[in-house]
Amino acid sequence: MKIVIDISSCRECPHFKITGTYSTDGFDSGDDWHCTKADKAIAGFVEWTEKPAIPEWCPAKLTNQQKSK
């Protein structure tokens, strides 16, 4: 069985993991975005206003799965 979902951000992916990070001054905070499927960092210190793009190396992208067949 194959399930395909349409997402616009890594945050919507089931393989997404987020960890909090603080700056040295203690006032700013951001999140480190991590892909558990690829075991890779997506982006570091992402502030709440930022929306990083889905990386080209994303293992869950339909185009990547089609290439591997």
PDB file of N, CA and C in Angstrom:
ATOM      1  N   MET A   1       0.839  -1.171   0.000  1.00  0.00           N
ATOM      2  CA  MET A   1       0.000   0.000   0.000  1.00  0.00           C
ATOM      3  C   MET A   1       0.890   1.242   0.000  1.00  0.00           C
ATOM      4  N   LYS A   2       0.533   2.213  -0.798  1.00  0.00           N
ATOM      5  CA  LYS A   2       1.283   3.462  -0.879  1.00  0.00           C
ATOM      6  C   LYS A   2       0.325   4.603  -0.561  1.00  0.00           C
ATOM      7  N   ILE A   3       0.749   5.476   0.336  1.00  0.00           N
ATOM      8  CA  ILE A   3      -0.051   6.653   0.678  1.00  0.00           C
ATOM      9  C   ILE A   3       0.727   7.875   0.231  1.00  0.00           C
ATOM     10  N   VAL A   4       0.093   8.745  -0.500  1.00  0.00           N
ATOM     11  CA  VAL A   4       0.725   9.963  -0.987  1.00  0.00           C
ATOM     12  C   VAL A   4       0.000  11.149  -0.357  1.00  0.00           C
ATOM     13  N   ILE A   5       0.774  12.044   0.266  1.00  0.00           N
ATOM     14  CA  ILE A   5       0.183  13.257   0.831  1.00  0.00           C
ATOM     15  C   ILE A   5       0.854  14.464   0.198  1.00  0.00           C
ATOM     16  N   ASP A   6       0.099  15.524   0.063  1.00  0.00           N
ATOM     17  CA  ASP A   6       0.610  16.763  -0.509  1.00  0.00           C
ATOM     18  C   ASP A   6       0.973  17.690   0.646  1.00  0.00           C
ATOM     19  N   ILE A   7       2.241  18.092   0.728  1.00  0.00           N
ATOM     20  CA  ILE A   7       2.671  18.995   1.784  1.00  0.00           C
ATOM     21  C   ILE A   7       3.346  20.217   1.173  1.00  0.00           C
ATOM     22  N   SER A   8       3.312  21.311   1.915  1.00  0.00           N
ATOM     23  CA  SER A   8       3.960  22.539   1.453  1.00  0.00           C
ATOM     24  C   SER A   8       5.127  22.931   2.349  1.00  0.00           C
ATOM     25  N   SER A   9       5.312  22.190   3.437  1.00  0.00           N
ATOM     26  CA  SER A   9       6.398  22.480   4.374  1.00  0.00           C
ATOM     27  C   SER A   9       6.833  21.181   5.045  1.00  0.00           C
ATOM     28  N   CYS A  10       8.089  21.124   5.422  1.00  0.00           N
ATOM     29  CA  CYS A  10       8.592  19.943   6.131  1.00  0.00           C
ATOM     30  C   CYS A  10       7.825  19.712   7.435  1.00  0.00           C
ATOM     31  N   ARG A  11       7.314  20.775   8.024  1.00  0.00           N
ATOM     32  CA  ARG A  11       6.556  20.650   9.283  1.00  0.00           C
ATOM     33  C   ARG A  11       5.373  19.685   9.142  1.00  0.00           C
ATOM     34  N   GLU A  12       4.838  19.529   7.953  1.00  0.00           N
ATOM     35  CA  GLU A  12       3.680  18.672   7.720  1.00  0.00           C
ATOM     36  C   GLU A  12       4.055  17.214   7.485  1.00  0.00           C
ATOM     37  N   CYS A  13       5.334  16.925   7.389  1.00  0.00           N
ATOM     38  CA  CYS A  13       5.809  15.577   7.077  1.00  0.00           C
ATOM     39  C   CYS A  13       5.936  14.729   8.353  1.00  0.00           C
ATOM     40  N   PRO A  14       5.572  13.449   8.287  1.00  0.00           N
ATOM     41  CA  PRO A  14       5.707  12.586   9.463  1.00  0.00           C
ATOM     42  C   PRO A  14       7.169  12.307   9.833  1.00  0.00           C
ATOM     43  N   HIS A  15       8.110  12.610   8.947  1.00  0.00           N
ATOM     44  CA  HIS A  15       9.535  12.377   9.224  1.00  0.00           C
ATOM     45  C   HIS A  15      10.227  13.627   9.775  1.00  0.00           C
ATOM     46  N   PHE A  16       9.451  14.650  10.129  1.00  0.00           N
ATOM     47  CA  PHE A  16       9.984  15.920  10.602  1.00  0.00           C
ATOM     48  C   PHE A  16      10.175  15.887  12.119  1.00  0.00           C
ATOM     49  N   LYS A  17      11.324  16.392  12.561  1.00  0.00           N
ATOM     50  CA  LYS A  17      11.603  16.509  13.993  1.00  0.00           C
ATOM     51  C   LYS A  17      12.136  17.913  14.247  1.00  0.00           C
ATOM     52  N   ILE A  18      11.711  18.503  15.352  1.00  0.00           N
ATOM     53  CA  ILE A  18      12.126  19.861  15.682  1.00  0.00           C
ATOM     54  C   ILE A  18      12.740  19.875  17.079  1.00  0.00           C
ATOM     55  N   THR A  19      13.821  20.628  17.219  1.00  0.00           N
ATOM     56  CA  THR A  19      14.430  20.816  18.541  1.00  0.00           C
ATOM     57  C   THR A  19      14.674  22.303  18.732  1.00  0.00           C
ATOM     58  N   GLY A  20      14.472  22.785  19.939  1.00  0.00           N
ATOM     59  CA  GLY A  20      14.649  24.205  20.239  1.00  0.00           C
ATOM     60  C   GLY A  20      16.115  24.564  20.404  1.00  0.00           C
ATOM     61  N   THR A  21      16.445  25.776  20.000  1.00  0.00           N
ATOM     62  CA  THR A  21      17.798  26.294  20.116  1.00  0.00           C
ATOM     63  C   THR A  21      17.706  27.731  20.615  1.00  0.00           C
ATOM     64  N   TYR A  22      18.626  28.135  21.465  1.00  0.00           N
ATOM     65  CA  TYR A  22      18.638  29.495  21.975  1.00  0.00           C
ATOM     66  C   TYR A  22      19.906  30.200  21.534  1.00  0.00           C
ATOM     67  N   SER A  23      19.817  31.509  21.361  1.00  0.00           N
ATOM     68  CA  SER A  23      20.990  32.284  20.967  1.00  0.00           C
ATOM     69  C   SER A  23      21.842  32.576  22.200  1.00  0.00           C
ATOM     70  N   THR A  24      23.001  33.123  21.983  1.00  0.00           N
ATOM     71  CA  THR A  24      23.910  33.423  23.091  1.00  0.00           C
ATOM     72  C   THR A  24      23.403  34.573  23.950  1.00  0.00           C
ATOM     73  N   ASP A  25      22.570  35.463  23.400  1.00  0.00           N
ATOM     74  CA  ASP A  25      22.068  36.578  24.210  1.00  0.00           C
ATOM     75  C   ASP A  25      20.835  36.196  25.030  1.00  0.00           C
ATOM     76  N   GLY A  26      20.236  35.053  24.764  1.00  0.00           N
ATOM     77  CA  GLY A  26      19.104  34.573  25.556  1.00  0.00           C
ATOM     78  C   GLY A  26      17.749  35.135  25.149  1.00  0.00           C
ATOM     79  N   PHE A  27      17.725  36.121  24.264  1.00  0.00           N
ATOM     80  CA  PHE A  27      16.454  36.723  23.860  1.00  0.00           C
ATOM     81  C   PHE A  27      15.882  36.084  22.602  1.00  0.00           C
ATOM     82  N   ASP A  28      16.743  35.703  21.697  1.00  0.00           N
ATOM     83  CA  ASP A  28      16.292  35.091  20.450  1.00  0.00           C
ATOM     84  C   ASP A  28      16.188  33.584  20.624  1.00  0.00           C
ATOM     85  N   SER A  29      15.234  33.011  19.940  1.00  0.00           N
ATOM     86  CA  SER A  29      15.143  31.556  19.941  1.00  0.00           C
ATOM     87  C   SER A  29      14.778  31.095  18.536  1.00  0.00           C
ATOM     88  N   GLY A  30      15.200  29.911  18.215  1.00  0.00           N
ATOM     89  CA  GLY A  30      14.912  29.334  16.912  1.00  0.00           C
ATOM     90  C   GLY A  30      14.830  27.830  17.063  1.00  0.00           C
ATOM     91  N   ASP A  31      14.503  27.163  15.992  1.00  0.00           N
ATOM     92  CA  ASP A  31      14.373  25.712  16.028  1.00  0.00           C
ATOM     93  C   ASP A  31      15.299  25.085  14.997  1.00  0.00           C
ATOM     94  N   ASP A  32      15.861  23.957  15.337  1.00  0.00           N
ATOM     95  CA  ASP A  32      16.627  23.170  14.379  1.00  0.00           C
ATOM     96  C   ASP A  32      15.656  22.174  13.756  1.00  0.00           C
ATOM     97  N   TRP A  33      15.608  22.147  12.429  1.00  0.00           N
ATOM     98  CA  TRP A  33      14.736  21.233  11.696  1.00  0.00           C
ATOM     99  C   TRP A  33      15.559  20.034  11.255  1.00  0.00           C
ATOM    100  N   HIS A  34      15.016  18.834  11.473  1.00  0.00           N
ATOM    101  CA  HIS A  34      15.742  17.607  11.170  1.00  0.00           C
ATOM    102  C   HIS A  34      14.818  16.611  10.469  1.00  0.00           C
ATOM    103  N   CYS A  35      15.355  15.903   9.478  1.00  0.00           N
ATOM    104  CA  CYS A  35      14.620  14.848   8.777  1.00  0.00           C
ATOM    105  C   CYS A  35      15.038  13.508   9.379  1.00  0.00           C
ATOM    106  N   THR A  36      14.094  12.795   9.971  1.00  0.00           N
ATOM    107  CA  THR A  36      14.421  11.512  10.596  1.00  0.00           C
ATOM    108  C   THR A  36      14.581  10.406   9.559  1.00  0.00           C
ATOM    109  N   LYS A  37      13.955  10.540   8.398  1.00  0.00           N
ATOM    110  CA  LYS A  37      14.076   9.503   7.356  1.00  0.00           C
ATOM    111  C   LYS A  37      15.468   9.527   6.733  1.00  0.00           C
ATOM    112  N   ALA A  38      15.987  10.727   6.448  1.00  0.00           N
ATOM    113  CA  ALA A  38      17.316  10.855   5.851  1.00  0.00           C
ATOM    114  C   ALA A  38      18.407  11.003   6.915  1.00  0.00           C
ATOM    115  N   ASP A  39      18.005  11.216   8.164  1.00  0.00           N
ATOM    116  CA  ASP A  39      18.931  11.486   9.265  1.00  0.00           C
ATOM    117  C   ASP A  39      19.863  12.648   8.898  1.00  0.00           C
ATOM    118  N   LYS A  40      19.233  13.742   8.440  1.00  0.00           N
ATOM    119  CA  LYS A  40      19.957  14.938   8.019  1.00  0.00           C
ATOM    120  C   LYS A  40      19.304  16.183   8.598  1.00  0.00           C
ATOM    121  N   ALA A  41      20.104  17.230   8.747  1.00  0.00           N
ATOM    122  CA  ALA A  41      19.575  18.528   9.150  1.00  0.00           C
ATOM    123  C   ALA A  41      18.920  19.194   7.947  1.00  0.00           C
ATOM    124  N   ILE A  42      17.737  19.717   8.156  1.00  0.00           N
ATOM    125  CA  ILE A  42      17.039  20.460   7.104  1.00  0.00           C
ATOM    126  C   ILE A  42      17.481  21.920   7.156  1.00  0.00           C
ATOM    127  N   ALA A  43      17.427  22.501   8.351  1.00  0.00           N
ATOM    128  CA  ALA A  43      17.829  23.894   8.555  1.00  0.00           C
ATOM    129  C   ALA A  43      18.122  24.097  10.034  1.00  0.00           C
ATOM    130  N   GLY A  44      19.040  25.001  10.324  1.00  0.00           N
ATOM    131  CA  GLY A  44      19.387  25.301  11.699  1.00  0.00           C
ATOM    132  C   GLY A  44      18.915  26.684  12.102  1.00  0.00           C
ATOM    133  N   PHE A  45      18.543  26.820  13.356  1.00  0.00           N
ATOM    134  CA  PHE A  45      18.072  28.072  13.954  1.00  0.00           C
ATOM    135  C   PHE A  45      17.026  28.766  13.079  1.00  0.00           C
ATOM    136  N   VAL A  46      15.912  28.086  12.874  1.00  0.00           N
ATOM    137  CA  VAL A  46      14.798  28.622  12.096  1.00  0.00           C
ATOM    138  C   VAL A  46      13.916  29.424  13.044  1.00  0.00           C
ATOM    139  N   GLU A  47      13.768  30.715  12.762  1.00  0.00           N
ATOM    140  CA  GLU A  47      12.904  31.551  13.590  1.00  0.00           C
ATOM    141  C   GLU A  47      11.448  31.357  13.181  1.00  0.00           C
ATOM    142  N   TRP A  48      10.526  31.773  14.050  1.00  0.00           N
ATOM    143  CA  TRP A  48       9.108  31.500  13.836  1.00  0.00           C
ATOM    144  C   TRP A  48       8.561  32.144  12.572  1.00  0.00           C
ATOM    145  N   THR A  49       9.208  33.180  12.063  1.00  0.00           N
ATOM    146  CA  THR A  49       8.730  33.844  10.844  1.00  0.00           C
ATOM    147  C   THR A  49       9.262  33.202   9.570  1.00  0.00           C
ATOM    148  N   GLU A  50      10.269  32.335   9.683  1.00  0.00           N
ATOM    149  CA  GLU A  50      10.887  31.712   8.514  1.00  0.00           C
ATOM    150  C   GLU A  50      10.146  30.450   8.076  1.00  0.00           C
ATOM    151  N   LYS A  51      10.187  30.191   6.802  1.00  0.00           N
ATOM    152  CA  LYS A  51       9.568  28.984   6.244  1.00  0.00           C
ATOM    153  C   LYS A  51      10.533  28.370   5.227  1.00  0.00           C
ATOM    154  N   PRO A  52      11.506  27.585   5.695  1.00  0.00           N
ATOM    155  CA  PRO A  52      12.460  26.972   4.752  1.00  0.00           C
ATOM    156  C   PRO A  52      11.763  26.075   3.728  1.00  0.00           C
ATOM    157  N   ALA A  53      12.308  26.063   2.535  1.00  0.00           N
ATOM    158  CA  ALA A  53      11.761  25.230   1.462  1.00  0.00           C
ATOM    159  C   ALA A  53      12.076  23.759   1.721  1.00  0.00           C
ATOM    160  N   ILE A  54      11.278  22.893   1.137  1.00  0.00           N
ATOM    161  CA  ILE A  54      11.546  21.459   1.221  1.00  0.00           C
ATOM    162  C   ILE A  54      12.821  21.197   0.423  1.00  0.00           C
ATOM    163  N   PRO A  55      13.827  20.564   1.032  1.00  0.00           N
ATOM    164  CA  PRO A  55      15.104  20.378   0.325  1.00  0.00           C
ATOM    165  C   PRO A  55      14.990  19.428  -0.862  1.00  0.00           C
ATOM    166  N   GLU A  56      15.862  19.631  -1.843  1.00  0.00           N
ATOM    167  CA  GLU A  56      15.883  18.775  -3.029  1.00  0.00           C
ATOM    168  C   GLU A  56      16.229  17.321  -2.672  1.00  0.00           C
ATOM    169  N   TRP A  57      17.012  17.111  -1.626  1.00  0.00           N
ATOM    170  CA  TRP A  57      17.424  15.763  -1.247  1.00  0.00           C
ATOM    171  C   TRP A  57      16.352  15.019  -0.449  1.00  0.00           C
ATOM    172  N   CYS A  58      15.200  15.600  -0.248  1.00  0.00           N
ATOM    173  CA  CYS A  58      14.129  14.989   0.557  1.00  0.00           C
ATOM    174  C   CYS A  58      13.817  13.575   0.052  1.00  0.00           C
ATOM    175  N   PRO A  59      13.971  12.554   0.915  1.00  0.00           N
ATOM    176  CA  PRO A  59      13.724  11.178   0.484  1.00  0.00           C
ATOM    177  C   PRO A  59      12.237  10.851   0.308  1.00  0.00           C
ATOM    178  N   ALA A  60      11.367  11.699   0.811  1.00  0.00           N
ATOM    179  CA  ALA A  60       9.935  11.438   0.714  1.00  0.00           C
ATOM    180  C   ALA A  60       9.296  12.111  -0.499  1.00  0.00           C
ATOM    181  N   LYS A  61      10.065  12.901  -1.243  1.00  0.00           N
ATOM    182  CA  LYS A  61       9.517  13.550  -2.438  1.00  0.00           C
ATOM    183  C   LYS A  61       9.142  12.504  -3.465  1.00  0.00           C
ATOM    184  N   LEU A  62       8.000  12.669  -4.076  1.00  0.00           N
ATOM    185  CA  LEU A  62       7.519  11.719  -5.072  1.00  0.00           C
ATOM    186  C   LEU A  62       8.490  11.606  -6.243  1.00  0.00           C
ATOM    187  N   THR A  63       9.087  12.720  -6.657  1.00  0.00           N
ATOM    188  CA  THR A  63      10.029  12.672  -7.785  1.00  0.00           C
ATOM    189  C   THR A  63      11.264  11.848  -7.427  1.00  0.00           C
ATOM    190  N   ASN A  64      11.723  11.902  -6.188  1.00  0.00           N
ATOM    191  CA  ASN A  64      12.874  11.107  -5.759  1.00  0.00           C
ATOM    192  C   ASN A  64      12.535   9.619  -5.745  1.00  0.00           C
ATOM    193  N   GLN A  65      11.320   9.283  -5.326  1.00  0.00           N
ATOM    194  CA  GLN A  65      10.927   7.877  -5.281  1.00  0.00           C
ATOM    195  C   GLN A  65      10.747   7.320  -6.679  1.00  0.00           C
ATOM    196  N   GLN A  66      10.270   8.127  -7.612  1.00  0.00           N
ATOM    197  CA  GLN A  66      10.085   7.673  -8.980  1.00  0.00           C
ATOM    198  C   GLN A  66      11.435   7.402  -9.643  1.00  0.00           C
ATOM    199  N   LYS A  67      12.459   8.190  -9.305  1.00  0.00           N
ATOM    200  CA  LYS A  67      13.782   8.016  -9.877  1.00  0.00           C
ATOM    201  C   LYS A  67      14.435   6.732  -9.400  1.00  0.00           C
ATOM    202  N   SER A  68      14.113   6.306  -8.162  1.00  0.00           N
ATOM    203  CA  SER A  68      14.768   5.121  -7.594  1.00  0.00           C
ATOM    204  C   SER A  68      14.167   3.814  -8.103  1.00  0.00           C
ATOM    205  N   LYS A  69      13.052   3.878  -8.811  1.00  0.00           N
ATOM    206  CA  LYS A  69      12.412   2.650  -9.320  1.00  0.00           C
ATOM    207  C   LYS A  69      13.020   2.202 -10.619  1.00  0.00           C
TER     208      LYS A  69
END
